[in-house]
Amino acid sequence: MEIIDKYFADKRKKQLRDLSVIAESDKKILEYLKKLYFFEINFDKKETQKYYSKRAGWTLDFIAQNDTKLLSDISTRLITKAISEDSASDYGTVQLLSNIDFYDYNYGKLIDICLNISAGSGYSHVHKIYSLRILKKVILKSPELSREISDSLSEPFKHFHAPSLIVAKREFLKFLDKLS
């Protein structure tokens, strides 16, 4: 799609934000971005396909930040992607999941992924923060899971020493207190 090629050619973030505004009102472009993100459009080179998928993911994330419901139709596919691949380590998937509304789902595997990221030493602080955001959304959808999730995070929280993680932990605990 020519318009996407034009916006992806320029590597500035502003270009992706501009494209996200266009895609919010143009379903054809939005659907094309989704296909790019999920590798449904093939390119000659795998590197090109990965590049387009990554840029599409960033654009979709800008869309989700503006309207969390606009991408809720792909929530199950995102969760499946996070579960099936090693894409839990993919910053884009975790970030995008944290910014969209998702429908009712069997949250067990998603909770496991988020808890593994929170406890894992191989994940960045950003991964851990986005995982906590996802867990908040799960708890809002299924409050009966709050105690189990809280108990599971008690050990990983002991290792949250970086300032950004301390703030994220504090916000998460405040969130749980408000629910009680």
N, C-alpha and C. Protein backbone atom coordinates (compact mmCIF):
# COMPACT_ATOMS: atom_id res chain seq x y z
N MET A 1 0.85 -1.16 0.00
CA MET A 1 0.00 0.00 0.00
C MET A 1 0.90 1.23 0.00
N GLU A 2 0.74 2.06 -0.97
CA GLU A 2 1.64 3.17 -1.22
C GLU A 2 1.75 4.16 -0.06
N ILE A 3 0.63 4.49 0.54
CA ILE A 3 0.67 5.46 1.64
C ILE A 3 1.47 4.95 2.82
N ILE A 4 1.37 3.66 3.09
CA ILE A 4 2.13 3.08 4.21
C ILE A 4 3.61 3.05 3.87
N ASP A 5 3.94 2.70 2.64
CA ASP A 5 5.35 2.73 2.22
C ASP A 5 5.94 4.11 2.43
N LYS A 6 5.16 5.13 2.09
CA LYS A 6 5.63 6.52 2.23
C LYS A 6 5.91 6.85 3.70
N TYR A 7 5.00 6.50 4.58
CA TYR A 7 5.18 6.82 6.00
C TYR A 7 6.24 5.95 6.66
N PHE A 8 6.38 4.71 6.23
CA PHE A 8 7.38 3.82 6.82
C PHE A 8 8.79 4.13 6.34
N ALA A 9 8.91 4.78 5.18
CA ALA A 9 10.23 5.09 4.63
C ALA A 9 10.97 6.07 5.54
N ASP A 10 10.24 6.98 6.12
CA ASP A 10 10.82 7.95 7.04
C ASP A 10 10.84 7.32 8.43
N LYS A 11 11.97 7.28 9.06
CA LYS A 11 12.12 6.54 10.31
C LYS A 11 11.74 7.34 11.56
N ARG A 12 11.20 8.54 11.36
CA ARG A 12 10.83 9.35 12.52
C ARG A 12 9.51 8.89 13.12
N LYS A 13 9.43 8.98 14.44
CA LYS A 13 8.23 8.58 15.16
C LYS A 13 7.02 9.43 14.75
N LYS A 14 7.25 10.69 14.44
CA LYS A 14 6.18 11.59 14.05
C LYS A 14 5.43 11.05 12.83
N GLN A 15 6.15 10.43 11.92
CA GLN A 15 5.51 9.87 10.72
C GLN A 15 4.52 8.78 11.10
N LEU A 16 4.88 7.96 12.06
CA LEU A 16 3.99 6.89 12.49
C LEU A 16 2.77 7.44 13.23
N ARG A 17 2.99 8.50 14.00
CA ARG A 17 1.85 9.15 14.66
C ARG A 17 0.89 9.73 13.62
N ASP A 18 1.45 10.37 12.61
CA ASP A 18 0.61 10.93 11.54
C ASP A 18 -0.17 9.83 10.83
N LEU A 19 0.50 8.72 10.56
CA LEU A 19 -0.17 7.59 9.90
C LEU A 19 -1.27 7.02 10.80
N SER A 20 -1.03 7.01 12.10
CA SER A 20 -2.05 6.47 13.01
C SER A 20 -3.32 7.32 12.97
N VAL A 21 -3.18 8.62 12.83
CA VAL A 21 -4.34 9.51 12.74
C VAL A 21 -5.13 9.20 11.47
N ILE A 22 -4.42 8.98 10.38
CA ILE A 22 -5.07 8.64 9.11
C ILE A 22 -5.78 7.29 9.23
N ALA A 23 -5.10 6.33 9.82
CA ALA A 23 -5.65 4.96 9.92
C ALA A 23 -6.87 4.90 10.83
N GLU A 24 -6.94 5.78 11.81
CA GLU A 24 -8.10 5.79 12.70
C GLU A 24 -9.40 6.05 11.94
N SER A 25 -9.30 6.80 10.86
CA SER A 25 -10.51 7.13 10.10
C SER A 25 -10.61 6.36 8.79
N ASP A 26 -9.58 5.59 8.44
CA ASP A 26 -9.60 4.83 7.19
C ASP A 26 -9.46 3.34 7.51
N LYS A 27 -10.57 2.63 7.46
CA LYS A 27 -10.58 1.19 7.83
C LYS A 27 -9.66 0.36 6.95
N LYS A 28 -9.54 0.72 5.69
CA LYS A 28 -8.69 -0.04 4.77
C LYS A 28 -7.22 0.01 5.23
N ILE A 29 -6.77 1.19 5.58
CA ILE A 29 -5.39 1.34 6.06
C ILE A 29 -5.22 0.63 7.39
N LEU A 30 -6.20 0.77 8.27
CA LEU A 30 -6.14 0.11 9.58
C LEU A 30 -6.04 -1.41 9.42
N GLU A 31 -6.86 -1.97 8.56
CA GLU A 31 -6.82 -3.42 8.33
C GLU A 31 -5.49 -3.84 7.72
N TYR A 32 -4.94 -3.03 6.84
CA TYR A 32 -3.65 -3.34 6.22
C TYR A 32 -2.54 -3.33 7.29
N LEU A 33 -2.60 -2.37 8.21
CA LEU A 33 -1.62 -2.31 9.29
C LEU A 33 -1.69 -3.56 10.16
N LYS A 34 -2.91 -4.01 10.44
CA LYS A 34 -3.08 -5.23 11.23
C LYS A 34 -2.47 -6.42 10.51
N LYS A 35 -2.70 -6.51 9.22
CA LYS A 35 -2.12 -7.62 8.43
C LYS A 35 -0.60 -7.57 8.44
N LEU A 36 -0.04 -6.36 8.33
CA LEU A 36 1.41 -6.23 8.39
C LEU A 36 1.94 -6.69 9.75
N TYR A 37 1.26 -6.28 10.79
CA TYR A 37 1.71 -6.62 12.13
C TYR A 37 1.72 -8.12 12.38
N PHE A 38 0.70 -8.80 11.89
CA PHE A 38 0.58 -10.24 12.12
C PHE A 38 1.24 -11.08 11.02
N PHE A 39 2.11 -10.48 10.20
CA PHE A 39 2.85 -11.19 9.16
C PHE A 39 1.92 -11.86 8.13
N GLU A 40 0.80 -11.23 7.83
CA GLU A 40 -0.13 -11.79 6.85
C GLU A 40 0.16 -11.29 5.44
N ILE A 41 1.10 -10.40 5.32
CA ILE A 41 1.53 -9.91 4.00
C ILE A 41 2.99 -10.29 3.85
N ASN A 42 3.27 -10.99 2.77
CA ASN A 42 4.62 -11.51 2.57
C ASN A 42 5.48 -10.55 1.75
N PHE A 43 6.74 -10.51 2.11
CA PHE A 43 7.73 -9.74 1.40
C PHE A 43 8.83 -10.69 0.93
N ASP A 44 9.61 -10.24 -0.02
CA ASP A 44 10.70 -11.08 -0.53
C ASP A 44 11.72 -11.41 0.55
N LYS A 45 12.01 -10.43 1.36
CA LYS A 45 13.02 -10.62 2.40
C LYS A 45 12.37 -10.63 3.78
N LYS A 46 12.84 -11.54 4.61
CA LYS A 46 12.30 -11.65 5.97
C LYS A 46 12.58 -10.38 6.79
N GLU A 47 13.73 -9.74 6.54
CA GLU A 47 14.07 -8.52 7.26
C GLU A 47 13.06 -7.41 6.94
N THR A 48 12.64 -7.34 5.68
CA THR A 48 11.65 -6.33 5.28
C THR A 48 10.33 -6.61 5.97
N GLN A 49 9.94 -7.85 6.04
CA GLN A 49 8.69 -8.23 6.69
C GLN A 49 8.73 -7.87 8.18
N LYS A 50 9.84 -8.15 8.82
CA LYS A 50 9.99 -7.81 10.24
C LYS A 50 9.95 -6.30 10.44
N TYR A 51 10.62 -5.57 9.56
CA TYR A 51 10.64 -4.11 9.65
C TYR A 51 9.22 -3.55 9.54
N TYR A 52 8.48 -4.01 8.55
CA TYR A 52 7.11 -3.53 8.35
C TYR A 52 6.21 -3.94 9.52
N SER A 53 6.39 -5.13 10.04
CA SER A 53 5.60 -5.58 11.16
C SER A 53 5.86 -4.71 12.39
N LYS A 54 7.11 -4.42 12.62
CA LYS A 54 7.48 -3.59 13.77
C LYS A 54 6.92 -2.18 13.64
N ARG A 55 7.06 -1.59 12.47
CA ARG A 55 6.53 -0.24 12.24
C ARG A 55 5.00 -0.24 12.35
N ALA A 56 4.37 -1.29 11.85
CA ALA A 56 2.91 -1.40 11.96
C ALA A 56 2.51 -1.50 13.43
N GLY A 57 3.27 -2.25 14.22
CA GLY A 57 3.00 -2.39 15.64
C GLY A 57 3.07 -1.06 16.37
N TRP A 58 4.08 -0.27 16.06
CA TRP A 58 4.19 1.05 16.68
C TRP A 58 3.01 1.93 16.28
N THR A 59 2.63 1.87 15.01
CA THR A 59 1.50 2.67 14.54
C THR A 59 0.21 2.23 15.23
N LEU A 60 0.01 0.92 15.34
CA LEU A 60 -1.17 0.40 16.04
C LEU A 60 -1.16 0.83 17.51
N ASP A 61 0.01 0.89 18.11
CA ASP A 61 0.09 1.32 19.49
C ASP A 61 -0.32 2.79 19.63
N PHE A 62 0.08 3.63 18.71
CA PHE A 62 -0.36 5.04 18.74
C PHE A 62 -1.88 5.12 18.59
N ILE A 63 -2.44 4.26 17.75
CA ILE A 63 -3.90 4.23 17.59
C ILE A 63 -4.55 3.81 18.91
N ALA A 64 -4.00 2.78 19.54
CA ALA A 64 -4.56 2.28 20.81
C ALA A 64 -4.48 3.33 21.91
N GLN A 65 -3.44 4.12 21.90
CA GLN A 65 -3.31 5.17 22.90
C GLN A 65 -4.40 6.23 22.74
N ASN A 66 -4.83 6.45 21.50
CA ASN A 66 -5.89 7.43 21.24
C ASN A 66 -7.29 6.86 21.49
N ASP A 67 -7.47 5.58 21.16
CA ASP A 67 -8.79 4.96 21.29
C ASP A 67 -8.59 3.48 21.62
N THR A 68 -8.72 3.15 22.90
CA THR A 68 -8.42 1.78 23.36
C THR A 68 -9.36 0.74 22.79
N LYS A 69 -10.53 1.14 22.35
CA LYS A 69 -11.51 0.18 21.84
C LYS A 69 -11.34 -0.10 20.34
N LEU A 70 -10.65 0.78 19.64
CA LEU A 70 -10.53 0.65 18.19
C LEU A 70 -9.83 -0.64 17.76
N LEU A 71 -8.95 -1.14 18.59
CA LEU A 71 -8.20 -2.35 18.25
C LEU A 71 -8.62 -3.56 19.09
N SER A 72 -9.70 -3.46 19.81
CA SER A 72 -10.09 -4.56 20.68
C SER A 72 -10.44 -5.82 19.88
N ASP A 73 -10.72 -5.67 18.59
CA ASP A 73 -11.00 -6.85 17.76
C ASP A 73 -9.77 -7.74 17.57
N ILE A 74 -8.59 -7.22 17.80
CA ILE A 74 -7.38 -8.04 17.65
C ILE A 74 -6.83 -8.50 18.99
N SER A 75 -7.54 -8.21 20.07
CA SER A 75 -7.01 -8.55 21.39
C SER A 75 -6.73 -10.03 21.54
N THR A 76 -7.66 -10.87 21.09
CA THR A 76 -7.46 -12.31 21.21
C THR A 76 -6.25 -12.75 20.38
N ARG A 77 -6.09 -12.17 19.20
CA ARG A 77 -4.93 -12.52 18.37
C ARG A 77 -3.63 -12.07 19.02
N LEU A 78 -3.65 -10.91 19.68
CA LEU A 78 -2.45 -10.44 20.38
C LEU A 78 -2.10 -11.36 21.54
N ILE A 79 -3.12 -11.73 22.29
CA ILE A 79 -2.89 -12.64 23.42
C ILE A 79 -2.34 -13.96 22.90
N THR A 80 -2.93 -14.47 21.82
CA THR A 80 -2.45 -15.72 21.23
C THR A 80 -1.02 -15.57 20.75
N LYS A 81 -0.69 -14.42 20.15
CA LYS A 81 0.68 -14.17 19.69
C LYS A 81 1.63 -14.16 20.88
N ALA A 82 1.22 -13.52 21.96
CA ALA A 82 2.08 -13.45 23.14
C ALA A 82 2.30 -14.83 23.74
N ILE A 83 1.28 -15.68 23.66
CA ILE A 83 1.37 -17.03 24.23
C ILE A 83 2.15 -17.97 23.33
N SER A 84 1.86 -17.93 22.03
CA SER A 84 2.37 -18.95 21.12
C SER A 84 3.83 -18.76 20.75
N GLU A 85 4.26 -17.54 20.60
CA GLU A 85 5.65 -17.31 20.20
C GLU A 85 6.46 -16.98 21.43
N ASP A 86 7.69 -16.68 21.17
CA ASP A 86 8.50 -16.12 22.23
C ASP A 86 8.32 -14.61 22.18
N SER A 87 7.11 -14.20 21.77
CA SER A 87 6.90 -12.78 21.60
C SER A 87 6.53 -12.11 22.90
N ALA A 88 6.48 -12.87 23.99
CA ALA A 88 6.34 -12.21 25.29
C ALA A 88 7.56 -11.32 25.50
N SER A 89 8.66 -11.69 24.87
CA SER A 89 9.85 -10.85 24.96
C SER A 89 9.82 -9.74 23.92
N ASP A 90 8.82 -9.78 23.05
CA ASP A 90 8.65 -8.74 22.05
C ASP A 90 7.99 -7.53 22.70
N TYR A 91 8.76 -6.50 22.85
CA TYR A 91 8.30 -5.27 23.50
C TYR A 91 6.99 -4.79 22.89
N GLY A 92 6.87 -4.84 21.58
CA GLY A 92 5.68 -4.33 20.89
C GLY A 92 4.41 -5.06 21.27
N THR A 93 4.45 -6.37 21.37
CA THR A 93 3.26 -7.15 21.71
C THR A 93 2.79 -6.83 23.13
N VAL A 94 3.71 -6.80 24.06
CA VAL A 94 3.37 -6.52 25.44
C VAL A 94 2.85 -5.09 25.58
N GLN A 95 3.50 -4.15 24.91
CA GLN A 95 3.06 -2.76 24.98
C GLN A 95 1.68 -2.59 24.36
N LEU A 96 1.47 -3.16 23.20
CA LEU A 96 0.18 -3.05 22.53
C LEU A 96 -0.93 -3.67 23.36
N LEU A 97 -0.66 -4.82 23.93
CA LEU A 97 -1.66 -5.47 24.80
C LEU A 97 -2.01 -4.59 26.01
N SER A 98 -1.03 -3.88 26.51
CA SER A 98 -1.29 -3.05 27.68
C SER A 98 -2.12 -1.81 27.34
N ASN A 99 -2.19 -1.46 26.07
CA ASN A 99 -2.89 -0.24 25.66
C ASN A 99 -4.26 -0.47 25.04
N ILE A 100 -4.67 -1.71 24.85
CA ILE A 100 -5.97 -1.94 24.24
C ILE A 100 -6.94 -2.56 25.24
N ASP A 101 -8.21 -2.43 24.94
CA ASP A 101 -9.23 -3.14 25.71
C ASP A 101 -9.34 -4.53 25.13
N PHE A 102 -9.36 -5.54 25.98
CA PHE A 102 -9.56 -6.87 25.44
C PHE A 102 -10.83 -7.48 25.98
N TYR A 103 -11.40 -8.34 25.15
CA TYR A 103 -12.65 -8.99 25.49
C TYR A 103 -12.43 -10.09 26.50
N ASP A 104 -13.54 -10.64 26.97
CA ASP A 104 -13.44 -11.77 27.89
C ASP A 104 -12.60 -12.86 27.25
N TYR A 105 -11.79 -13.45 28.04
CA TYR A 105 -10.82 -14.42 27.56
C TYR A 105 -10.45 -15.29 28.74
N ASN A 106 -10.02 -16.49 28.46
CA ASN A 106 -9.48 -17.32 29.52
C ASN A 106 -8.10 -16.75 29.84
N TYR A 107 -8.01 -16.02 30.92
CA TYR A 107 -6.82 -15.22 31.20
C TYR A 107 -5.65 -16.01 31.78
N GLY A 108 -5.82 -17.29 32.04
CA GLY A 108 -4.78 -18.07 32.70
C GLY A 108 -3.41 -17.95 32.07
N LYS A 109 -3.32 -18.18 30.77
CA LYS A 109 -2.02 -18.13 30.10
C LYS A 109 -1.47 -16.71 30.04
N LEU A 110 -2.36 -15.74 29.84
CA LEU A 110 -1.92 -14.35 29.81
C LEU A 110 -1.36 -13.94 31.17
N ILE A 111 -2.03 -14.35 32.23
CA ILE A 111 -1.53 -14.06 33.58
C ILE A 111 -0.17 -14.71 33.79
N ASP A 112 -0.03 -15.96 33.36
CA ASP A 112 1.26 -16.65 33.48
C ASP A 112 2.38 -15.89 32.76
N ILE A 113 2.09 -15.43 31.55
CA ILE A 113 3.09 -14.67 30.79
C ILE A 113 3.49 -13.42 31.56
N CYS A 114 2.50 -12.67 32.04
CA CYS A 114 2.79 -11.43 32.76
C CYS A 114 3.55 -11.69 34.06
N LEU A 115 3.18 -12.74 34.76
CA LEU A 115 3.90 -13.08 36.00
C LEU A 115 5.33 -13.52 35.69
N ASN A 116 5.52 -14.28 34.62
CA ASN A 116 6.87 -14.70 34.23
C ASN A 116 7.73 -13.50 33.85
N ILE A 117 7.14 -12.55 33.14
CA ILE A 117 7.89 -11.34 32.78
C ILE A 117 8.25 -10.57 34.05
N SER A 118 7.29 -10.42 34.95
CA SER A 118 7.55 -9.68 36.20
C SER A 118 8.64 -10.33 37.04
N ALA A 119 8.69 -11.65 37.03
CA ALA A 119 9.67 -12.37 37.84
C ALA A 119 10.99 -12.61 37.10
N GLY A 120 10.97 -12.50 35.77
CA GLY A 120 12.14 -12.86 34.98
C GLY A 120 13.23 -11.81 34.99
N SER A 121 14.46 -12.28 35.05
CA SER A 121 15.59 -11.35 35.04
C SER A 121 15.98 -10.95 33.62
N GLY A 122 15.48 -11.67 32.63
CA GLY A 122 15.85 -11.38 31.24
C GLY A 122 14.96 -10.34 30.58
N TYR A 123 14.07 -9.73 31.34
CA TYR A 123 13.15 -8.75 30.77
C TYR A 123 13.49 -7.35 31.24
N SER A 124 13.23 -6.40 30.38
CA SER A 124 13.53 -5.01 30.72
C SER A 124 12.50 -4.48 31.72
N HIS A 125 12.82 -3.35 32.29
CA HIS A 125 11.88 -2.70 33.21
C HIS A 125 10.59 -2.36 32.48
N VAL A 126 10.70 -1.96 31.25
CA VAL A 126 9.52 -1.59 30.46
C VAL A 126 8.60 -2.79 30.30
N HIS A 127 9.16 -3.95 29.99
CA HIS A 127 8.36 -5.18 29.89
C HIS A 127 7.59 -5.42 31.19
N LYS A 128 8.28 -5.26 32.30
CA LYS A 128 7.66 -5.53 33.59
C LYS A 128 6.54 -4.54 33.89
N ILE A 129 6.76 -3.29 33.56
CA ILE A 129 5.74 -2.26 33.80
C ILE A 129 4.51 -2.52 32.93
N TYR A 130 4.73 -2.83 31.66
CA TYR A 130 3.59 -3.13 30.78
C TYR A 130 2.87 -4.40 31.24
N SER A 131 3.60 -5.35 31.75
CA SER A 131 2.96 -6.58 32.26
C SER A 131 2.05 -6.27 33.44
N LEU A 132 2.50 -5.37 34.30
CA LEU A 132 1.65 -4.96 35.43
C LEU A 132 0.40 -4.24 34.94
N ARG A 133 0.53 -3.45 33.88
CA ARG A 133 -0.65 -2.79 33.31
C ARG A 133 -1.65 -3.81 32.77
N ILE A 134 -1.14 -4.85 32.14
CA ILE A 134 -2.02 -5.89 31.62
C ILE A 134 -2.71 -6.60 32.79
N LEU A 135 -1.96 -6.90 33.83
CA LEU A 135 -2.55 -7.57 34.99
C LEU A 135 -3.65 -6.71 35.63
N LYS A 136 -3.46 -5.40 35.65
CA LYS A 136 -4.52 -4.51 36.15
C LYS A 136 -5.79 -4.68 35.34
N LYS A 137 -5.63 -4.73 34.02
CA LYS A 137 -6.80 -4.89 33.15
C LYS A 137 -7.49 -6.23 33.39
N VAL A 138 -6.70 -7.27 33.58
CA VAL A 138 -7.27 -8.59 33.86
C VAL A 138 -8.06 -8.54 35.16
N ILE A 139 -7.49 -7.91 36.18
CA ILE A 139 -8.16 -7.83 37.47
C ILE A 139 -9.46 -7.03 37.35
N LEU A 140 -9.44 -5.97 36.56
CA LEU A 140 -10.68 -5.20 36.38
C LEU A 140 -11.77 -6.03 35.71
N LYS A 141 -11.36 -6.92 34.80
CA LYS A 141 -12.33 -7.79 34.13
C LYS A 141 -12.74 -8.96 35.02
N SER A 142 -11.81 -9.45 35.84
CA SER A 142 -12.07 -10.61 36.71
C SER A 142 -11.52 -10.34 38.10
N PRO A 143 -12.23 -9.54 38.90
CA PRO A 143 -11.72 -9.16 40.23
C PRO A 143 -11.41 -10.33 41.15
N GLU A 144 -12.06 -11.46 40.91
CA GLU A 144 -11.81 -12.63 41.77
C GLU A 144 -10.38 -13.14 41.64
N LEU A 145 -9.65 -12.70 40.62
CA LEU A 145 -8.27 -13.13 40.42
C LEU A 145 -7.26 -12.24 41.17
N SER A 146 -7.73 -11.17 41.77
CA SER A 146 -6.80 -10.20 42.37
C SER A 146 -5.93 -10.80 43.47
N ARG A 147 -6.51 -11.62 44.35
CA ARG A 147 -5.75 -12.20 45.44
C ARG A 147 -4.65 -13.13 44.91
N GLU A 148 -5.02 -13.98 43.95
CA GLU A 148 -4.05 -14.92 43.37
C GLU A 148 -2.90 -14.18 42.69
N ILE A 149 -3.24 -13.14 41.93
CA ILE A 149 -2.21 -12.37 41.23
C ILE A 149 -1.33 -11.64 42.24
N SER A 150 -1.96 -11.04 43.23
CA SER A 150 -1.21 -10.32 44.26
C SER A 150 -0.23 -11.26 44.98
N ASP A 151 -0.70 -12.44 45.36
CA ASP A 151 0.17 -13.41 46.03
C ASP A 151 1.33 -13.83 45.13
N SER A 152 1.04 -14.01 43.84
CA SER A 152 2.08 -14.44 42.90
C SER A 152 3.13 -13.36 42.67
N LEU A 153 2.76 -12.11 42.89
CA LEU A 153 3.72 -11.01 42.67
C LEU A 153 4.54 -10.67 43.90
N SER A 154 4.20 -11.23 45.05
CA SER A 154 4.90 -10.84 46.28
C SER A 154 6.41 -11.11 46.18
N GLU A 155 6.79 -12.24 45.64
CA GLU A 155 8.22 -12.56 45.50
C GLU A 155 8.91 -11.69 44.45
N PRO A 156 8.36 -11.59 43.22
CA PRO A 156 9.02 -10.71 42.23
C PRO A 156 9.14 -9.26 42.71
N PHE A 157 8.14 -8.77 43.46
CA PHE A 157 8.18 -7.39 43.93
C PHE A 157 9.37 -7.13 44.85
N LYS A 158 9.88 -8.16 45.51
CA LYS A 158 11.04 -8.00 46.37
C LYS A 158 12.29 -7.61 45.58
N HIS A 159 12.27 -7.88 44.27
CA HIS A 159 13.44 -7.62 43.43
C HIS A 159 13.25 -6.38 42.55
N PHE A 160 12.21 -5.61 42.81
CA PHE A 160 11.96 -4.38 42.06
C PHE A 160 12.71 -3.24 42.76
N HIS A 161 13.98 -3.03 42.36
CA HIS A 161 14.80 -2.03 43.02
C HIS A 161 14.97 -0.76 42.20
N ALA A 162 14.82 -0.85 40.91
CA ALA A 162 14.97 0.34 40.06
C ALA A 162 13.83 1.31 40.34
N PRO A 163 14.10 2.61 40.29
CA PRO A 163 13.05 3.60 40.59
C PRO A 163 11.76 3.41 39.77
N SER A 164 11.89 3.11 38.50
CA SER A 164 10.69 2.94 37.67
C SER A 164 9.87 1.74 38.13
N LEU A 165 10.55 0.69 38.56
CA LEU A 165 9.84 -0.50 39.03
C LEU A 165 9.23 -0.28 40.41
N ILE A 166 9.90 0.49 41.23
CA ILE A 166 9.36 0.81 42.55
C ILE A 166 8.05 1.59 42.40
N VAL A 167 8.05 2.55 41.48
CA VAL A 167 6.84 3.35 41.23
C VAL A 167 5.73 2.45 40.68
N ALA A 168 6.08 1.58 39.73
CA ALA A 168 5.08 0.68 39.14
C ALA A 168 4.50 -0.26 40.21
N LYS A 169 5.36 -0.77 41.08
CA LYS A 169 4.90 -1.65 42.16
C LYS A 169 3.97 -0.89 43.11
N ARG A 170 4.37 0.33 43.47
CA ARG A 170 3.56 1.15 44.38
C ARG A 170 2.17 1.41 43.76
N GLU A 171 2.15 1.77 42.47
CA GLU A 171 0.87 2.04 41.79
C GLU A 171 0.01 0.78 41.73
N PHE A 172 0.64 -0.36 41.48
CA PHE A 172 -0.10 -1.62 41.41
C PHE A 172 -0.71 -1.97 42.77
N LEU A 173 0.07 -1.78 43.82
CA LEU A 173 -0.43 -2.09 45.17
C LEU A 173 -1.56 -1.14 45.58
N LYS A 174 -1.43 0.14 45.20
CA LYS A 174 -2.51 1.11 45.46
C LYS A 174 -3.78 0.68 44.73
N PHE A 175 -3.60 0.24 43.50
CA PHE A 175 -4.72 -0.24 42.70
C PHE A 175 -5.43 -1.40 43.41
N LEU A 176 -4.65 -2.34 43.92
CA LEU A 176 -5.23 -3.48 44.65
C LEU A 176 -5.92 -3.03 45.93
N ASP A 177 -5.33 -2.07 46.62
CA ASP A 177 -5.96 -1.56 47.86
C ASP A 177 -7.32 -0.92 47.57
N LYS A 178 -7.41 -0.21 46.46
CA LYS A 178 -8.67 0.44 46.10
C LYS A 178 -9.77 -0.60 45.82
N LEU A 179 -9.36 -1.75 45.32
CA LEU A 179 -10.34 -2.80 45.03
C LEU A 179 -10.85 -3.48 46.29
N SER A 180 -10.02 -3.47 47.33
CA SER A 180 -10.39 -4.18 48.57
C SER A 180 -11.49 -3.47 49.33
